[in-house]
Protein backbone atom coordinates (compact mmCIF):
# COMPACT_ATOMS: atom_id res chain seq x y z
CA MET A 1 -149.64 71.84 -67.48
CA ILE A 2 -150.63 68.22 -68.76
CA ILE A 3 -148.10 66.08 -70.43
CA THR A 4 -149.49 63.42 -72.53
CA SER A 5 -146.61 60.92 -72.28
CA HIS A 6 -143.22 60.16 -70.89
CA SER A 7 -143.02 57.07 -73.11
CA SER A 8 -140.53 58.21 -75.75
CA ASN A 9 -138.11 55.69 -74.31
CA PRO A 10 -138.77 52.09 -74.82
CA PHE A 11 -140.51 50.00 -72.32
CA PRO A 12 -137.27 48.50 -70.06
CA ASP A 13 -136.89 44.90 -69.80
CA ASN A 14 -135.84 44.87 -66.17
CA VAL A 15 -139.06 45.98 -64.57
CA ASP A 16 -139.62 44.84 -60.79
CA GLN A 17 -142.97 46.38 -60.14
CA MET A 18 -145.56 48.50 -62.19
CA PHE A 19 -148.02 51.20 -60.78
CA THR A 20 -151.08 51.10 -63.12
CA HIS A 21 -154.10 53.01 -63.57
CA CYS A 22 -153.24 56.04 -61.83
CA ARG A 23 -153.12 59.72 -62.37
CA MET A 24 -149.80 61.58 -61.83
CA ALA A 25 -148.46 64.78 -61.17
CA THR A 26 -144.73 64.47 -61.79
CA MET A 27 -143.64 67.99 -60.52
CA ALA A 28 -140.63 68.05 -63.13
CA LYS A 29 -139.55 71.50 -63.90
CA GLY A 30 -141.57 72.92 -61.01
CA ASN A 31 -144.85 72.28 -62.79
CA TYR A 32 -147.71 69.86 -62.27
CA GLY A 33 -146.88 67.80 -65.28
CA ILE A 34 -150.25 65.87 -64.99
CA MET A 35 -150.70 62.66 -66.92
CA LYS A 36 -153.97 60.70 -66.89
CA ASN A 37 -154.57 57.00 -66.95
CA ALA A 38 -150.93 56.44 -66.65
CA ALA A 39 -148.44 53.94 -65.53
CA LEU A 40 -145.17 53.91 -63.73
CA ALA A 41 -142.23 51.46 -63.57
CA VAL A 42 -139.78 50.77 -60.93
CA SER A 43 -136.42 48.93 -61.57
CA GLY A 44 -134.53 48.52 -58.45
CA LYS A 45 -134.55 51.64 -56.33
CA LYS A 46 -135.44 53.87 -59.51
CA ILE A 47 -138.39 54.87 -61.62
CA SER A 48 -137.38 53.36 -65.27
CA TRP A 49 -140.69 54.24 -67.28
CA ILE A 50 -143.65 56.56 -67.09
CA GLY A 51 -146.37 56.32 -69.56
CA PRO A 52 -149.85 56.08 -70.77
CA MET A 53 -151.58 52.67 -69.95
CA ASP A 54 -152.10 52.17 -73.77
CA ALA A 55 -148.26 52.22 -74.20
CA LEU A 56 -147.70 48.97 -71.85
CA PRO A 57 -146.70 45.68 -73.34
CA GLU A 58 -149.52 43.50 -73.75
CA THR A 59 -148.28 41.05 -71.10
CA LEU A 60 -146.43 41.97 -67.82
CA GLY A 61 -145.38 38.44 -67.17
CA THR A 62 -144.30 38.01 -63.38
CA ILE A 63 -143.93 41.71 -62.74
CA LYS A 64 -145.58 42.85 -59.49
CA VAL A 65 -148.50 45.05 -60.42
CA THR A 66 -150.04 47.69 -58.16
CA ASP A 67 -153.50 48.74 -59.39
CA CYS A 68 -153.84 52.49 -57.98
CA ARG A 69 -157.60 52.61 -58.96
CA ASN A 70 -157.29 56.40 -60.47
CA GLN A 71 -155.75 57.54 -57.42
CA TRP A 72 -152.89 60.27 -57.61
CA ILE A 73 -149.15 59.43 -57.60
CA LEU A 74 -146.90 62.47 -56.62
CA PRO A 75 -143.18 62.75 -55.65
CA GLY A 76 -142.59 62.05 -51.72
CA PHE A 77 -142.31 65.27 -49.98
CA VAL A 78 -138.68 66.65 -49.42
CA ASP A 79 -138.58 68.52 -46.27
CA CYS A 80 -135.43 70.51 -46.72
CA HIS A 81 -135.33 72.15 -43.31
CA THR A 82 -136.00 70.74 -40.11
CA HIS A 83 -134.61 70.68 -36.37
CA LEU A 84 -136.00 67.36 -35.76
CA ILE A 85 -133.58 66.00 -32.65
CA TRP A 86 -134.37 67.84 -29.56
CA ALA A 87 -135.40 66.90 -25.86
CA GLY A 88 -137.97 68.44 -23.89
CA SER A 89 -141.00 70.72 -24.36
CA ARG A 90 -141.90 74.44 -24.78
CA ALA A 91 -145.60 74.10 -24.59
CA ASP A 92 -145.40 76.32 -21.51
CA GLU A 93 -143.82 78.92 -23.58
CA PHE A 94 -146.62 78.99 -26.04
CA GLU A 95 -148.95 79.86 -23.12
CA MET A 96 -146.69 82.36 -22.11
CA ARG A 97 -146.55 84.14 -25.52
CA LEU A 98 -150.50 83.65 -25.60
CA ALA A 99 -150.34 85.70 -21.98
CA GLY A 100 -148.40 88.66 -23.68
CA ALA A 101 -144.90 87.47 -22.77
CA SER A 102 -142.23 88.65 -25.15
CA TYR A 103 -139.58 86.55 -26.39
CA ALA A 104 -137.02 88.51 -24.40
CA ASP A 105 -139.25 87.96 -21.25
CA ILE A 106 -139.26 84.26 -22.00
CA ALA A 107 -135.40 83.97 -22.35
CA ARG A 108 -135.06 86.00 -19.11
CA ALA A 109 -137.10 83.26 -17.12
CA GLY A 110 -134.84 80.45 -18.66
CA GLY A 111 -136.83 79.58 -21.78
CA GLY A 112 -136.28 79.89 -25.41
CA ILE A 113 -133.75 78.17 -27.28
CA PHE A 114 -131.70 77.47 -24.07
CA SER A 115 -134.44 75.58 -22.36
CA THR A 116 -134.22 73.11 -25.42
CA VAL A 117 -130.16 73.08 -25.19
CA THR A 118 -130.54 72.41 -21.42
CA ALA A 119 -132.84 69.37 -22.17
CA THR A 120 -130.77 67.90 -25.23
CA ARG A 121 -127.50 68.36 -23.37
CA ALA A 122 -128.82 66.28 -20.26
CA ALA A 123 -130.48 63.36 -22.54
CA ASP A 124 -128.31 60.91 -23.64
CA GLU A 125 -127.90 59.52 -27.43
CA ASP A 126 -130.45 56.42 -27.02
CA MET A 127 -133.05 58.89 -25.72
CA LEU A 128 -132.73 61.45 -28.40
CA PHE A 129 -132.94 58.75 -30.91
CA ASP A 130 -136.11 57.17 -29.46
CA LEU A 131 -137.77 60.66 -29.54
CA ALA A 132 -136.48 61.48 -33.16
CA SER A 133 -137.49 58.26 -34.67
CA ARG A 134 -140.87 58.58 -33.34
CA ARG A 135 -141.04 62.00 -35.16
CA MET A 136 -139.41 60.42 -38.38
CA ALA A 137 -142.38 57.59 -38.20
CA ARG A 138 -144.82 60.82 -38.12
CA PHE A 139 -143.25 62.21 -41.09
CA LEU A 140 -143.60 59.14 -43.03
CA ARG A 141 -147.13 58.84 -42.33
CA GLN A 142 -147.68 62.33 -44.01
CA GLY A 143 -145.64 61.33 -46.99
CA ILE A 144 -142.28 63.04 -46.10
CA THR A 145 -139.59 60.73 -47.96
CA THR A 146 -136.40 62.99 -47.41
CA VAL A 147 -135.65 64.82 -44.30
CA GLU A 148 -133.14 67.51 -43.74
CA ILE A 149 -132.20 67.33 -40.15
CA LYS A 150 -129.91 70.32 -38.34
CA SER A 151 -127.76 70.02 -35.17
CA GLY A 152 -127.87 73.13 -33.08
CA TYR A 153 -129.43 72.36 -29.85
CA GLY A 154 -126.18 71.27 -28.09
CA LEU A 155 -123.92 74.64 -28.64
CA ASP A 156 -121.06 72.74 -27.42
CA LEU A 157 -118.82 69.92 -29.30
CA ASP A 158 -120.03 67.14 -27.36
CA THR A 159 -123.82 67.41 -27.64
CA GLU A 160 -123.43 68.75 -31.28
CA LEU A 161 -121.83 65.33 -31.95
CA LYS A 162 -124.34 63.55 -30.14
CA MET A 163 -127.20 65.35 -32.20
CA LEU A 164 -125.56 64.55 -35.35
CA ALA A 165 -124.72 60.78 -34.40
CA VAL A 166 -128.47 60.28 -33.71
CA ALA A 167 -128.86 61.72 -37.34
CA GLY A 168 -126.62 59.06 -38.66
CA ARG A 169 -128.62 56.46 -36.70
CA LEU A 170 -131.71 57.60 -38.03
CA GLN A 171 -130.52 57.45 -41.68
CA LYS A 172 -130.13 53.42 -41.10
CA ALA A 173 -133.00 52.89 -39.01
CA CYS A 174 -135.66 55.03 -40.86
CA PRO A 175 -136.94 54.17 -44.36
CA GLN A 176 -136.60 57.83 -45.16
CA ASP A 177 -133.57 59.65 -46.70
CA VAL A 178 -131.46 61.79 -44.44
CA SER A 179 -129.49 64.78 -45.09
CA THR A 180 -127.46 66.13 -42.18
CA THR A 181 -126.53 69.78 -41.47
CA PHE A 182 -124.31 71.18 -38.69
CA LEU A 183 -125.72 74.36 -37.09
CA GLY A 184 -123.31 74.99 -34.36
CA ALA A 185 -123.65 78.72 -34.69
CA HIS A 186 -127.50 78.62 -34.07
CA ALA A 187 -127.27 80.92 -30.62
CA LEU A 188 -124.68 82.18 -28.23
CA PRO A 189 -124.13 79.66 -25.27
CA PRO A 190 -124.65 81.41 -21.94
CA LYS A 191 -120.94 80.93 -20.99
CA PHE A 192 -119.91 82.80 -23.82
CA ALA A 193 -122.12 85.62 -23.09
CA GLY A 194 -120.69 88.88 -24.58
CA ARG A 195 -117.90 87.01 -26.21
CA SER A 196 -119.59 86.07 -29.44
CA ASP A 197 -116.12 85.99 -31.43
CA ASP A 198 -114.67 83.76 -29.19
CA TYR A 199 -117.78 81.29 -29.70
CA ILE A 200 -117.21 81.61 -33.53
CA LYS A 201 -113.55 80.81 -32.95
CA GLU A 202 -114.45 77.48 -31.20
CA VAL A 203 -116.77 76.75 -33.99
CA VAL A 204 -114.41 77.45 -36.56
CA ARG A 205 -111.27 75.91 -34.94
CA ILE A 206 -112.62 73.06 -32.85
CA MET A 207 -116.21 71.92 -33.99
CA LEU A 208 -115.98 72.15 -37.64
CA PRO A 209 -112.83 69.96 -38.11
CA GLU A 210 -114.22 67.51 -35.73
CA VAL A 211 -117.45 67.38 -37.66
CA LYS A 212 -115.52 66.85 -40.77
CA ASP A 213 -113.40 64.14 -39.50
CA GLN A 214 -116.25 62.13 -38.11
CA GLY A 215 -118.21 62.43 -41.56
CA ILE A 216 -121.34 63.00 -39.86
CA ALA A 217 -122.73 66.10 -41.79
CA THR A 218 -122.71 67.24 -45.58
CA ALA A 219 -123.68 71.02 -44.97
CA VAL A 220 -123.00 73.84 -42.58
CA ASP A 221 -125.64 76.42 -41.65
CA VAL A 222 -125.65 79.55 -39.43
CA PHE A 223 -127.96 81.93 -37.82
CA CYS A 224 -127.40 85.26 -39.37
CA GLU A 225 -129.57 87.55 -37.35
CA ASN A 226 -129.41 90.57 -34.73
CA ILE A 227 -130.09 88.06 -32.00
CA ALA A 228 -127.55 85.74 -33.25
CA PHE A 229 -124.48 86.19 -35.29
CA SER A 230 -123.31 89.16 -37.56
CA ARG A 231 -122.75 88.77 -41.32
CA ASP A 232 -118.72 88.83 -40.61
CA GLN A 233 -119.18 85.86 -38.13
CA THR A 234 -120.99 83.91 -40.54
CA ARG A 235 -118.52 84.63 -43.26
CA GLN A 236 -115.70 83.28 -40.85
CA VAL A 237 -117.84 79.96 -40.18
CA PHE A 238 -118.67 79.64 -44.18
CA GLU A 239 -115.03 80.09 -45.27
CA LYS A 240 -113.86 77.52 -42.94
CA ALA A 241 -116.98 75.27 -43.89
CA LEU A 242 -116.07 75.39 -47.74
CA ALA A 243 -112.47 75.08 -47.21
CA LEU A 244 -113.20 71.53 -45.28
CA GLY A 245 -115.76 70.53 -48.22
CA PHE A 246 -119.01 71.27 -46.68
CA ALA A 247 -122.03 72.80 -48.44
CA ILE A 248 -123.53 75.97 -46.94
CA LYS A 249 -126.89 77.36 -46.12
CA LEU A 250 -128.01 80.11 -44.05
CA HIS A 251 -130.73 81.02 -41.77
CA ALA A 252 -131.57 84.74 -42.90
CA GLU A 253 -133.56 87.93 -42.77
CA GLN A 254 -136.00 86.32 -40.46
CA LEU A 255 -136.29 89.33 -38.01
CA SER A 256 -134.29 91.86 -39.90
CA ASP A 257 -132.25 92.73 -42.96
CA SER A 258 -128.79 91.59 -41.96
CA ASN A 259 -127.72 91.23 -45.61
CA GLY A 260 -126.44 88.04 -44.95
CA THR A 261 -128.33 86.36 -47.85
CA ALA A 262 -126.05 88.29 -50.27
CA LEU A 263 -122.78 86.90 -48.71
CA ALA A 264 -124.28 83.52 -48.64
CA ALA A 265 -125.08 83.54 -52.08
CA GLN A 266 -121.99 85.05 -53.11
CA MET A 267 -120.23 82.02 -51.40
CA GLY A 268 -122.43 79.38 -53.19
CA ALA A 269 -124.97 78.75 -50.60
CA LEU A 270 -127.64 76.10 -51.64
CA SER A 271 -130.25 78.02 -49.69
CA CYS A 272 -131.19 80.80 -47.90
CA ASP A 273 -133.81 80.27 -45.27
CA HIS A 274 -137.06 82.35 -43.94
CA LEU A 275 -136.30 85.67 -45.74
CA GLU A 276 -139.05 87.76 -44.55
CA TYR A 277 -136.90 90.92 -44.44
CA LEU A 278 -134.95 90.05 -47.71
CA SER A 279 -134.06 93.15 -49.81
CA LEU A 280 -134.28 93.14 -53.65
CA ASP A 281 -130.46 93.42 -53.90
CA GLY A 282 -130.16 90.25 -51.77
CA ALA A 283 -132.80 88.59 -53.87
CA ARG A 284 -130.87 89.32 -56.90
CA LYS A 285 -127.64 88.02 -55.48
CA MET A 286 -129.68 84.62 -55.07
CA ALA A 287 -130.88 84.74 -58.73
CA ASP A 288 -127.32 85.61 -59.87
CA HIS A 289 -125.78 82.54 -57.77
CA GLY A 290 -128.62 80.15 -58.14
CA THR A 291 -129.66 80.14 -54.58
CA VAL A 292 -132.88 78.53 -53.53
CA ALA A 293 -135.47 80.51 -51.32
CA VAL A 294 -136.71 78.14 -48.49
CA LEU A 295 -140.17 79.37 -47.03
CA LEU A 296 -140.93 78.44 -43.49
CA PRO A 297 -144.57 79.31 -42.84
CA GLY A 298 -144.99 77.34 -39.87
CA ALA A 299 -142.48 79.87 -37.87
CA PHE A 300 -144.11 82.66 -39.20
CA TYR A 301 -147.49 81.25 -38.18
CA TYR A 302 -146.54 80.26 -34.57
CA LEU A 303 -144.44 83.39 -33.91
CA ARG A 304 -147.68 85.66 -35.33
CA GLU A 305 -145.40 87.33 -37.94
CA THR A 306 -146.74 90.13 -39.99
CA ARG A 307 -144.06 90.69 -42.56
CA ILE A 308 -144.37 87.99 -45.21
CA PRO A 309 -141.28 86.78 -47.56
CA PRO A 310 -141.14 89.04 -50.97
CA VAL A 311 -142.64 86.39 -52.90
CA GLU A 312 -142.95 88.50 -56.17
CA TYR A 313 -139.19 88.93 -56.04
CA PHE A 314 -138.74 85.21 -56.26
CA ARG A 315 -141.30 84.90 -58.97
CA ASN A 316 -139.94 88.00 -61.12
CA LEU A 317 -136.19 86.98 -60.74
CA ARG A 318 -137.05 83.09 -60.97
CA ILE A 319 -135.66 82.08 -57.91
CA PRO A 320 -136.83 78.48 -56.91
CA MET A 321 -139.11 78.52 -53.64
CA ALA A 322 -138.85 75.57 -51.41
CA VAL A 323 -141.29 75.02 -48.63
CA ALA A 324 -140.28 73.16 -45.45
CA THR A 325 -141.73 72.15 -41.92
CA ASP A 326 -138.91 73.97 -39.72
CA LEU A 327 -140.20 71.52 -37.33
CA ASN A 328 -138.72 72.68 -34.09
CA PRO A 329 -139.94 72.84 -30.44
CA GLY A 330 -139.95 76.53 -30.29
CA SER A 331 -141.12 78.45 -33.38
CA SER A 332 -142.62 75.58 -35.51
CA PRO A 333 -143.96 72.39 -33.92
CA VAL A 334 -145.48 71.28 -37.05
CA PHE A 335 -145.22 67.61 -37.98
CA GLY A 336 -146.28 67.21 -41.69
CA MET A 337 -146.28 68.91 -44.76
CA MET A 338 -149.85 69.42 -45.59
CA PRO A 339 -150.46 72.17 -42.97
CA VAL A 340 -147.35 73.79 -44.21
CA LEU A 341 -148.62 73.75 -47.82
CA ASN A 342 -151.93 75.41 -46.54
CA MET A 343 -150.04 78.15 -44.83
CA ALA A 344 -147.60 78.79 -47.76
CA CYS A 345 -150.79 79.34 -49.92
CA LEU A 346 -152.91 81.48 -47.39
CA LEU A 347 -150.16 83.40 -45.53
CA PHE A 348 -147.46 83.68 -48.35
CA GLY A 349 -149.81 84.07 -51.30
CA LEU A 350 -148.24 80.87 -53.11
CA THR A 351 -150.47 79.00 -55.73
CA CYS A 352 -150.88 75.36 -54.95
CA GLU A 353 -148.60 74.49 -57.55
CA GLU A 354 -146.03 76.33 -56.61
CA ALA A 355 -146.42 75.16 -53.16
CA LEU A 356 -146.50 71.63 -54.08
CA ALA A 357 -143.28 72.45 -56.39
CA GLY A 358 -141.61 73.67 -53.12
CA ALA A 359 -142.34 70.68 -51.32
CA THR A 360 -141.00 68.68 -53.93
CA ILE A 361 -138.46 69.51 -56.65
CA ASN A 362 -137.38 72.51 -55.20
CA GLY A 363 -137.03 71.21 -51.52
CA ALA A 364 -134.64 68.73 -53.67
CA ARG A 365 -132.77 71.57 -55.05
CA ALA A 366 -132.04 73.10 -51.85
CA LEU A 367 -130.33 69.96 -50.72
CA ASN A 368 -128.33 69.66 -53.97
CA LEU A 369 -130.52 66.28 -54.60
CA ALA A 370 -132.53 67.32 -57.44
CA ASP A 371 -130.85 65.08 -59.95
CA CYS A 372 -132.43 62.12 -57.77
CA LYS A 373 -135.28 63.43 -55.72
CA GLY A 374 -138.19 65.66 -55.97
CA SER A 375 -140.08 64.67 -59.25
CA LEU A 376 -141.46 61.82 -61.14
CA GLU A 377 -138.81 60.98 -64.01
CA PRO A 378 -137.25 57.95 -65.41
CA GLY A 379 -133.83 57.82 -63.74
CA LYS A 380 -134.64 59.33 -60.47
CA ASP A 381 -135.26 57.58 -57.10
CA ALA A 382 -138.59 55.71 -56.70
CA ASP A 383 -139.51 57.83 -53.84
CA PHE A 384 -143.40 58.66 -54.49
CA VAL A 385 -146.72 58.82 -52.70
CA ILE A 386 -150.04 57.42 -53.65
CA TRP A 387 -152.73 59.78 -52.52
CA ASP A 388 -156.61 59.60 -52.49
CA VAL A 389 -157.72 62.96 -53.68
CA ASP A 390 -159.45 64.42 -56.51
CA THR A 391 -156.73 66.77 -57.51
CA PRO A 392 -153.22 67.70 -56.36
CA ALA A 393 -154.37 71.05 -54.87
CA ASP A 394 -156.46 69.04 -52.14
CA LEU A 395 -153.05 68.65 -50.89
CA CYS A 396 -152.96 72.30 -50.10
CA TYR A 397 -156.76 72.55 -49.32
CA LEU A 398 -157.74 69.86 -46.94
CA THR A 399 -157.00 70.02 -43.32
CA GLY A 400 -157.51 67.82 -40.59
CA ILE A 401 -157.03 64.63 -42.80
CA THR A 402 -154.10 63.04 -44.46
CA PRO A 403 -155.61 61.20 -47.56
CA LEU A 404 -152.39 59.10 -47.87
CA GLN A 405 -152.61 55.52 -49.02
CA ASN A 406 -149.16 54.27 -49.82
CA VAL A 407 -145.48 55.40 -49.51
CA VAL A 408 -142.68 54.00 -51.58
CA ILE A 409 -139.33 54.96 -50.96
CA GLY A 410 -136.09 53.57 -53.00
CA GLY A 411 -138.63 51.02 -54.87
CA LYS A 412 -140.17 49.74 -51.54
CA THR A 413 -143.36 50.00 -49.81
CA ALA A 414 -142.34 51.89 -46.61
CA TYR A 415 -145.87 52.60 -45.47
CA VAL A 416 -149.43 51.46 -46.14
CA MET A 417 -152.41 53.05 -44.70
CA ALA A 418 -154.44 50.75 -42.65
C-alpha cells in the first residue's frame, strides 16, 4: 500500500525538528503505508506533520533539520512480551537439551525456571538493575523503543516486588518506554508443591493488593497450562486483578489446549500469547472481544516445537497479530526484533508486512498503547527509527547485521549508529 500524502493538515507553526528526504513505512492500520520523498515534523514529543517534500514551506527558519538521504523511517519496535529482568544463566540447559534431556529431566536436576528463580531471589536490586539496563541498551541498539517487562522469577512477594521496582527504575533511567506486568502466577514454587490452590490464594489475597498499593504494574499475566495453573485458578487471579483495576493478559495454549484463551478473551484480556494449540472456538472468542494474538517464534525455535500457531484463524477472523521477542533465559534468549521478524516469516508463515505490523502497531495494541505508539501518524509519540535499507522487507530478510542509523524516542535522539 502506497500513500501519496498525509499533508491534508496544514503545516504546524510550532515545529522543533524536521526529518527530510526520507522514505517512510508508516504502518498505520497495519499496512506498510509507504511514502516516498517525504518529510516528518516533530513538535515536542509528538509527530506533528507528515507529508511530501514538495508540501514543505519555502523556508524552515531555525527548525533543526535532519536529512535522511533517502533512508527509511519506520515506527520504533514495540516489544510487547519480555521477561527482561533475571539473574543467572541457563546455557548449560541448552547443552543438556541438545544432548537429549527433556524439560522434566532438567527440572529434576534443579534446572528450569527454578534455577532462574533461585538466582533472581539471591540477587539484590542493584545487581538486577545493572543486568537489566544492559539488556535495555541492547534493545535500544536494535530499534526497540517500547518494552513490556514481566515479573515472575520471584514467586514470592519480596522478589516479585523487587523485580517490579527494577522495572520502575528502568523506566526512569532508560530512554525507552516501559510497560510493567505482574506475573506472580508464572510457576508453582517448590514450597507449594502439591498445593497450587494455596499458592493462588497467596497471589490473590497478598501479592496482588500489595502490587496495586505500590503502583508498580499496570497489567497482570498468568501462565495457564498443564505444567502451570488451571483455567479456574487463572479465573481467580483475573477476577481479583480486574477488581483492582489492572489490565489482564495470558500465556496460553503453548503446550496444550487448556481453553484459557476463551476465558481471558471473555474477561477482556488485552492479549493472549504463544497460542500454538489454540482452537477455532478460542480464536473466535478473541475476535469477538478484540483480544490481540501475540506470537513468540523465539520460544518456538529454541524449544524446537513443531506445531505452529493457527495464523489462518487470525487472518480469517481479522485478529491483530503481534510479534515479540519473549526475551528470557530459558526458552527465548533473543535480544533483538530482527531475528524474531525473520522467524515469524520463515517458521509461522507471516508476510513481511504482517511481521512488521506485529512488531509495531499490533504490539502497541497488545499493550493498549495504539493511540500513541506503533505507527507514524500526526499526534502520536515521536518514536521512530531511521534504517539504511532498500525496502522495509529487509528488516525481516537480513540476518547478521542491524542496519540502524538513528533511534528517536519522544522527539529526542536516543541512539546514533557510530
